[in-house]
N, C-alpha and C. Protein backbone atom coordinates (compact mmCIF):
# COMPACT_ATOMS: atom_id res chain seq x y z
N MET A 1 29.83 23.65 23.37
CA MET A 1 29.12 24.78 23.96
C MET A 1 28.59 24.38 25.34
N LYS A 2 28.86 25.22 26.30
CA LYS A 2 28.37 24.99 27.66
C LYS A 2 26.87 25.26 27.70
N ARG A 3 26.15 24.43 28.44
CA ARG A 3 24.70 24.58 28.57
C ARG A 3 24.36 24.49 30.05
N ILE A 4 23.48 25.39 30.52
CA ILE A 4 23.10 25.37 31.93
C ILE A 4 21.63 24.99 32.08
N LYS A 5 21.32 24.48 33.28
CA LYS A 5 19.98 23.98 33.57
C LYS A 5 18.93 25.09 33.50
N SER A 6 19.19 26.19 34.21
CA SER A 6 18.17 27.23 34.27
C SER A 6 18.78 28.59 34.58
N ILE A 7 17.98 29.60 34.28
CA ILE A 7 18.33 31.00 34.57
C ILE A 7 17.11 31.63 35.21
N LEU A 8 17.35 32.37 36.27
CA LEU A 8 16.29 33.18 36.87
C LEU A 8 16.52 34.61 36.43
N LEU A 9 15.58 35.14 35.66
CA LEU A 9 15.64 36.51 35.15
C LEU A 9 14.69 37.36 35.99
N ILE A 10 15.24 38.31 36.74
CA ILE A 10 14.43 39.17 37.60
C ILE A 10 14.46 40.58 37.02
N GLU A 11 13.37 40.95 36.38
CA GLU A 11 13.29 42.21 35.63
C GLU A 11 11.83 42.62 35.53
N ASP A 12 11.54 43.89 35.80
CA ASP A 12 10.15 44.35 35.79
C ASP A 12 9.66 44.82 34.43
N ASP A 13 10.54 45.09 33.50
CA ASP A 13 10.14 45.64 32.20
C ASP A 13 9.89 44.51 31.19
N GLU A 14 8.66 44.44 30.68
CA GLU A 14 8.29 43.35 29.77
C GLU A 14 9.07 43.36 28.47
N ILE A 15 9.35 44.52 27.93
CA ILE A 15 10.10 44.60 26.67
C ILE A 15 11.54 44.12 26.89
N THR A 16 12.15 44.55 27.98
CA THR A 16 13.51 44.09 28.30
C THR A 16 13.51 42.58 28.54
N ASN A 17 12.49 42.07 29.23
CA ASN A 17 12.39 40.62 29.43
C ASN A 17 12.32 39.89 28.10
N PHE A 18 11.50 40.39 27.19
CA PHE A 18 11.37 39.77 25.88
C PHE A 18 12.71 39.75 25.16
N LEU A 19 13.41 40.89 25.16
CA LEU A 19 14.71 40.97 24.49
C LEU A 19 15.72 40.02 25.13
N ASN A 20 15.78 40.03 26.46
CA ASN A 20 16.73 39.15 27.16
C ASN A 20 16.41 37.68 26.91
N GLN A 21 15.13 37.31 26.98
CA GLN A 21 14.75 35.93 26.72
C GLN A 21 15.10 35.51 25.31
N THR A 22 14.88 36.40 24.35
CA THR A 22 15.20 36.10 22.96
C THR A 22 16.69 35.81 22.80
N VAL A 23 17.53 36.65 23.38
CA VAL A 23 18.98 36.45 23.30
C VAL A 23 19.37 35.11 23.92
N ILE A 24 18.83 34.83 25.11
CA ILE A 24 19.17 33.58 25.81
C ILE A 24 18.71 32.37 24.99
N GLU A 25 17.47 32.42 24.48
CA GLU A 25 16.94 31.31 23.70
C GLU A 25 17.74 31.09 22.42
N GLU A 26 18.13 32.17 21.76
CA GLU A 26 18.89 32.03 20.50
C GLU A 26 20.25 31.38 20.69
N THR A 27 20.83 31.53 21.87
CA THR A 27 22.13 30.89 22.11
C THR A 27 21.99 29.39 22.34
N GLY A 28 20.81 28.96 22.80
CA GLY A 28 20.60 27.56 23.11
C GLY A 28 21.40 27.10 24.33
N MET A 29 21.83 28.03 25.17
CA MET A 29 22.71 27.70 26.29
C MET A 29 21.98 27.48 27.61
N ALA A 30 20.66 27.64 27.62
CA ALA A 30 19.90 27.44 28.86
C ALA A 30 18.68 26.57 28.56
N GLU A 31 18.47 25.58 29.41
CA GLU A 31 17.32 24.69 29.24
C GLU A 31 16.02 25.38 29.63
N GLU A 32 16.08 26.25 30.64
CA GLU A 32 14.86 26.89 31.15
C GLU A 32 15.15 28.32 31.57
N ILE A 33 14.19 29.22 31.29
CA ILE A 33 14.28 30.60 31.75
C ILE A 33 13.07 30.86 32.65
N ILE A 34 13.34 31.18 33.91
CA ILE A 34 12.28 31.52 34.85
C ILE A 34 12.28 33.03 34.95
N VAL A 35 11.11 33.65 34.78
CA VAL A 35 11.01 35.10 34.83
C VAL A 35 10.25 35.53 36.08
N ALA A 36 10.84 36.47 36.81
CA ALA A 36 10.19 37.11 37.95
C ALA A 36 10.13 38.60 37.65
N LEU A 37 8.99 39.22 37.91
CA LEU A 37 8.80 40.63 37.54
C LEU A 37 9.26 41.61 38.60
N ASN A 38 9.75 41.09 39.74
CA ASN A 38 10.34 41.94 40.78
C ASN A 38 11.10 41.04 41.74
N GLY A 39 11.82 41.65 42.65
CA GLY A 39 12.63 40.89 43.59
C GLY A 39 11.82 39.98 44.49
N MET A 40 10.62 40.40 44.86
CA MET A 40 9.77 39.57 45.72
C MET A 40 9.38 38.28 45.00
N GLU A 41 9.01 38.38 43.72
CA GLU A 41 8.68 37.18 42.95
C GLU A 41 9.89 36.26 42.84
N GLY A 42 11.07 36.86 42.64
CA GLY A 42 12.30 36.08 42.56
C GLY A 42 12.58 35.33 43.86
N LEU A 43 12.43 36.03 44.98
CA LEU A 43 12.64 35.39 46.29
C LEU A 43 11.61 34.28 46.54
N SER A 44 10.36 34.54 46.19
CA SER A 44 9.31 33.53 46.38
C SER A 44 9.64 32.27 45.60
N TYR A 45 10.10 32.42 44.38
CA TYR A 45 10.49 31.26 43.57
C TYR A 45 11.62 30.49 44.27
N LEU A 46 12.65 31.19 44.70
CA LEU A 46 13.80 30.53 45.32
C LEU A 46 13.43 29.86 46.65
N GLN A 47 12.54 30.48 47.41
CA GLN A 47 12.13 29.91 48.70
C GLN A 47 11.40 28.58 48.54
N LYS A 48 10.80 28.35 47.38
CA LYS A 48 10.07 27.10 47.13
C LYS A 48 11.01 25.94 46.78
N LEU A 49 12.25 26.25 46.44
CA LEU A 49 13.19 25.20 46.05
C LEU A 49 13.63 24.45 47.31
N LYS A 50 13.68 23.13 47.21
CA LYS A 50 13.93 22.31 48.38
C LYS A 50 15.41 22.12 48.70
N SER A 51 16.27 22.25 47.69
CA SER A 51 17.69 22.01 47.95
C SER A 51 18.55 22.99 47.15
N PRO A 52 19.79 23.19 47.60
CA PRO A 52 20.71 24.09 46.88
C PRO A 52 20.94 23.63 45.43
N ALA A 53 20.86 22.34 45.19
CA ALA A 53 21.07 21.81 43.82
C ALA A 53 19.98 22.28 42.86
N GLU A 54 18.82 22.66 43.39
CA GLU A 54 17.72 23.13 42.55
C GLU A 54 17.87 24.60 42.18
N PHE A 55 18.76 25.32 42.86
CA PHE A 55 18.95 26.74 42.56
C PHE A 55 19.48 26.91 41.14
N PRO A 56 19.04 27.95 40.44
CA PRO A 56 19.56 28.17 39.09
C PRO A 56 21.04 28.53 39.15
N PRO A 57 21.84 28.07 38.19
CA PRO A 57 23.26 28.43 38.17
C PRO A 57 23.49 29.92 37.94
N LEU A 58 22.47 30.61 37.36
CA LEU A 58 22.64 32.02 37.01
C LEU A 58 21.36 32.80 37.32
N ILE A 59 21.54 33.94 37.98
CA ILE A 59 20.44 34.89 38.19
C ILE A 59 20.85 36.19 37.50
N LEU A 60 19.99 36.68 36.61
CA LEU A 60 20.19 37.98 35.98
C LEU A 60 19.23 38.93 36.69
N LEU A 61 19.78 39.96 37.31
CA LEU A 61 19.03 40.80 38.24
C LEU A 61 19.04 42.27 37.83
N ASP A 62 17.84 42.84 37.71
CA ASP A 62 17.69 44.28 37.53
C ASP A 62 17.80 44.94 38.90
N ILE A 63 18.21 46.17 38.94
CA ILE A 63 18.34 46.89 40.21
C ILE A 63 17.09 47.70 40.54
N ASN A 64 16.61 48.48 39.58
CA ASN A 64 15.48 49.38 39.82
C ASN A 64 14.16 48.71 39.45
N MET A 65 13.45 48.23 40.48
CA MET A 65 12.17 47.55 40.29
C MET A 65 11.22 47.95 41.40
N PRO A 66 9.91 47.84 41.13
CA PRO A 66 8.94 48.09 42.20
C PRO A 66 8.87 46.90 43.15
N ILE A 67 8.21 47.07 44.25
CA ILE A 67 7.94 46.06 45.28
C ILE A 67 9.20 45.68 46.04
N LEU A 68 10.20 45.09 45.38
CA LEU A 68 11.47 44.77 46.02
C LEU A 68 12.56 44.97 44.98
N ASP A 69 13.39 45.99 45.17
CA ASP A 69 14.42 46.30 44.18
C ASP A 69 15.58 45.30 44.27
N GLY A 70 16.52 45.42 43.35
CA GLY A 70 17.64 44.49 43.29
C GLY A 70 18.51 44.48 44.53
N PHE A 71 18.76 45.65 45.11
CA PHE A 71 19.58 45.71 46.33
C PHE A 71 18.89 44.97 47.48
N SER A 72 17.60 45.23 47.65
CA SER A 72 16.85 44.57 48.73
C SER A 72 16.73 43.08 48.46
N PHE A 73 16.58 42.71 47.18
CA PHE A 73 16.56 41.28 46.83
C PHE A 73 17.85 40.61 47.30
N LEU A 74 18.98 41.25 47.00
CA LEU A 74 20.27 40.66 47.38
C LEU A 74 20.39 40.48 48.89
N GLU A 75 19.96 41.48 49.63
CA GLU A 75 20.03 41.39 51.10
C GLU A 75 19.20 40.20 51.60
N GLU A 76 18.01 40.01 51.03
CA GLU A 76 17.15 38.90 51.44
C GLU A 76 17.65 37.56 50.89
N TYR A 77 18.19 37.58 49.70
CA TYR A 77 18.72 36.36 49.07
C TYR A 77 19.79 35.73 49.95
N TYR A 78 20.70 36.53 50.46
CA TYR A 78 21.80 35.99 51.27
C TYR A 78 21.32 35.43 52.61
N LYS A 79 20.08 35.70 52.99
CA LYS A 79 19.52 35.14 54.22
C LYS A 79 18.91 33.76 54.01
N LEU A 80 18.70 33.36 52.74
CA LEU A 80 18.11 32.05 52.47
C LEU A 80 19.08 30.95 52.89
N PRO A 81 18.60 29.94 53.62
CA PRO A 81 19.50 28.92 54.14
C PRO A 81 20.22 28.11 53.06
N GLN A 82 19.60 27.91 51.90
CA GLN A 82 20.21 27.09 50.85
C GLN A 82 21.34 27.81 50.11
N VAL A 83 21.41 29.13 50.23
CA VAL A 83 22.35 29.92 49.43
C VAL A 83 23.81 29.53 49.67
N LYS A 84 24.16 29.26 50.92
CA LYS A 84 25.57 28.97 51.20
C LYS A 84 26.07 27.71 50.49
N ASP A 85 25.15 26.79 50.16
CA ASP A 85 25.54 25.56 49.48
C ASP A 85 25.19 25.56 47.99
N ALA A 86 24.55 26.63 47.52
CA ALA A 86 24.18 26.72 46.11
C ALA A 86 25.34 27.33 45.33
N SER A 87 25.49 26.90 44.10
CA SER A 87 26.55 27.50 43.27
C SER A 87 25.88 28.36 42.20
N THR A 88 25.35 29.48 42.66
CA THR A 88 24.63 30.43 41.80
C THR A 88 25.45 31.69 41.63
N LYS A 89 25.57 32.14 40.38
CA LYS A 89 26.22 33.42 40.11
C LYS A 89 25.12 34.44 39.84
N ILE A 90 25.25 35.61 40.45
CA ILE A 90 24.30 36.69 40.21
C ILE A 90 25.00 37.76 39.39
N VAL A 91 24.37 38.12 38.27
CA VAL A 91 24.87 39.16 37.39
C VAL A 91 23.81 40.25 37.34
N VAL A 92 24.22 41.48 37.58
CA VAL A 92 23.29 42.60 37.52
C VAL A 92 23.20 43.11 36.09
N LEU A 93 21.96 43.31 35.65
CA LEU A 93 21.70 43.95 34.36
C LEU A 93 21.12 45.32 34.68
N SER A 94 21.77 46.36 34.21
CA SER A 94 21.34 47.70 34.60
C SER A 94 21.59 48.70 33.48
N THR A 95 20.90 49.82 33.56
CA THR A 95 21.19 50.94 32.68
C THR A 95 21.97 51.99 33.47
N SER A 96 22.18 51.74 34.74
CA SER A 96 22.83 52.71 35.62
C SER A 96 24.35 52.59 35.56
N SER A 97 25.00 53.73 35.48
CA SER A 97 26.46 53.74 35.63
C SER A 97 26.82 54.60 36.85
N ASN A 98 25.83 54.79 37.70
CA ASN A 98 25.98 55.57 38.93
C ASN A 98 27.01 54.90 39.83
N ALA A 99 28.03 55.66 40.24
CA ALA A 99 29.11 55.11 41.06
C ALA A 99 28.61 54.55 42.38
N SER A 100 27.63 55.20 43.00
CA SER A 100 27.14 54.69 44.29
C SER A 100 26.40 53.36 44.10
N ASP A 101 25.66 53.21 42.97
CA ASP A 101 25.02 51.93 42.68
C ASP A 101 26.07 50.83 42.51
N MET A 102 27.13 51.15 41.78
CA MET A 102 28.20 50.16 41.54
C MET A 102 28.88 49.77 42.86
N ASN A 103 29.14 50.74 43.71
CA ASN A 103 29.75 50.45 45.01
C ASN A 103 28.83 49.60 45.87
N GLN A 104 27.54 49.91 45.86
CA GLN A 104 26.59 49.14 46.65
C GLN A 104 26.52 47.69 46.13
N MET A 105 26.56 47.51 44.81
CA MET A 105 26.55 46.16 44.24
C MET A 105 27.77 45.37 44.70
N ARG A 106 28.92 46.01 44.63
CA ARG A 106 30.15 45.33 45.07
C ARG A 106 30.08 44.96 46.54
N SER A 107 29.53 45.86 47.37
CA SER A 107 29.43 45.57 48.80
C SER A 107 28.47 44.41 49.07
N LEU A 108 27.58 44.13 48.13
CA LEU A 108 26.65 43.02 48.27
C LEU A 108 27.15 41.77 47.52
N GLY A 109 28.41 41.78 47.14
CA GLY A 109 29.01 40.58 46.55
C GLY A 109 28.84 40.42 45.05
N ILE A 110 28.41 41.45 44.36
CA ILE A 110 28.22 41.36 42.91
C ILE A 110 29.45 41.90 42.20
N SER A 111 30.05 41.08 41.37
CA SER A 111 31.25 41.52 40.67
C SER A 111 31.01 41.78 39.19
N THR A 112 29.87 41.31 38.66
CA THR A 112 29.60 41.49 37.24
C THR A 112 28.32 42.30 37.04
N CYS A 113 28.46 43.38 36.29
CA CYS A 113 27.32 44.22 35.94
C CYS A 113 27.37 44.44 34.43
N LEU A 114 26.28 44.14 33.77
CA LEU A 114 26.19 44.30 32.33
C LEU A 114 25.10 45.31 31.98
N LEU A 115 25.30 45.99 30.87
CA LEU A 115 24.28 46.92 30.40
C LEU A 115 23.13 46.15 29.78
N LYS A 116 21.91 46.65 29.99
CA LYS A 116 20.78 46.01 29.35
C LYS A 116 20.36 46.77 28.11
N PRO A 117 19.75 46.10 27.18
CA PRO A 117 19.43 44.69 27.20
C PRO A 117 20.69 43.83 27.02
N LEU A 118 20.56 42.60 27.42
CA LEU A 118 21.65 41.63 27.37
C LEU A 118 22.08 41.40 25.92
N SER A 119 23.38 41.38 25.70
CA SER A 119 23.88 41.06 24.35
C SER A 119 24.27 39.59 24.32
N GLU A 120 24.24 39.01 23.15
CA GLU A 120 24.60 37.60 23.00
C GLU A 120 26.04 37.35 23.45
N SER A 121 26.95 38.24 23.08
CA SER A 121 28.36 38.04 23.46
C SER A 121 28.55 38.12 24.97
N ASP A 122 27.88 39.07 25.64
CA ASP A 122 27.96 39.16 27.10
C ASP A 122 27.39 37.91 27.75
N PHE A 123 26.26 37.43 27.24
CA PHE A 123 25.64 36.25 27.82
C PHE A 123 26.54 35.03 27.65
N ARG A 124 27.09 34.84 26.47
CA ARG A 124 27.98 33.71 26.23
C ARG A 124 29.19 33.76 27.17
N LYS A 125 29.73 34.94 27.38
CA LYS A 125 30.89 35.10 28.26
C LYS A 125 30.53 34.73 29.70
N VAL A 126 29.39 35.20 30.18
CA VAL A 126 28.97 34.91 31.55
C VAL A 126 28.78 33.39 31.74
N VAL A 127 28.11 32.74 30.79
CA VAL A 127 27.89 31.29 30.91
C VAL A 127 29.22 30.54 30.85
N ALA A 128 30.11 30.97 30.01
CA ALA A 128 31.40 30.30 29.90
C ALA A 128 32.20 30.39 31.22
N GLU A 129 31.97 31.44 31.99
CA GLU A 129 32.69 31.63 33.25
C GLU A 129 32.04 30.90 34.43
N LEU A 130 30.89 30.28 34.23
CA LEU A 130 30.22 29.56 35.32
C LEU A 130 30.95 28.28 35.65
């Protein structure tokens, strides 16, 4: 079984966070889960990391959040200097099937979008593809 160092979960809903964390913990595939309640908290966490090697291998990102939504997070994320050397995959977790949201995600480099809450099989598949 593949195991990763850490996951950054960026989601504003506490119940969804609890469900997602439970699924991740039950698989035993992640050593650490860092939770940010909005895109700004997620960016602040990443800005404190000193090297690309410290970046989490996986970011699970909600789109609709207060303060800094997922789209704005992505725009700011790509401006971070460490990003070009980090090997981080970003997966969007959403309840939206809106075509314009999907197109905007693709234009921002996101190829994987999963329905929330996260299922164990979806999570295992994403980790296996890292």
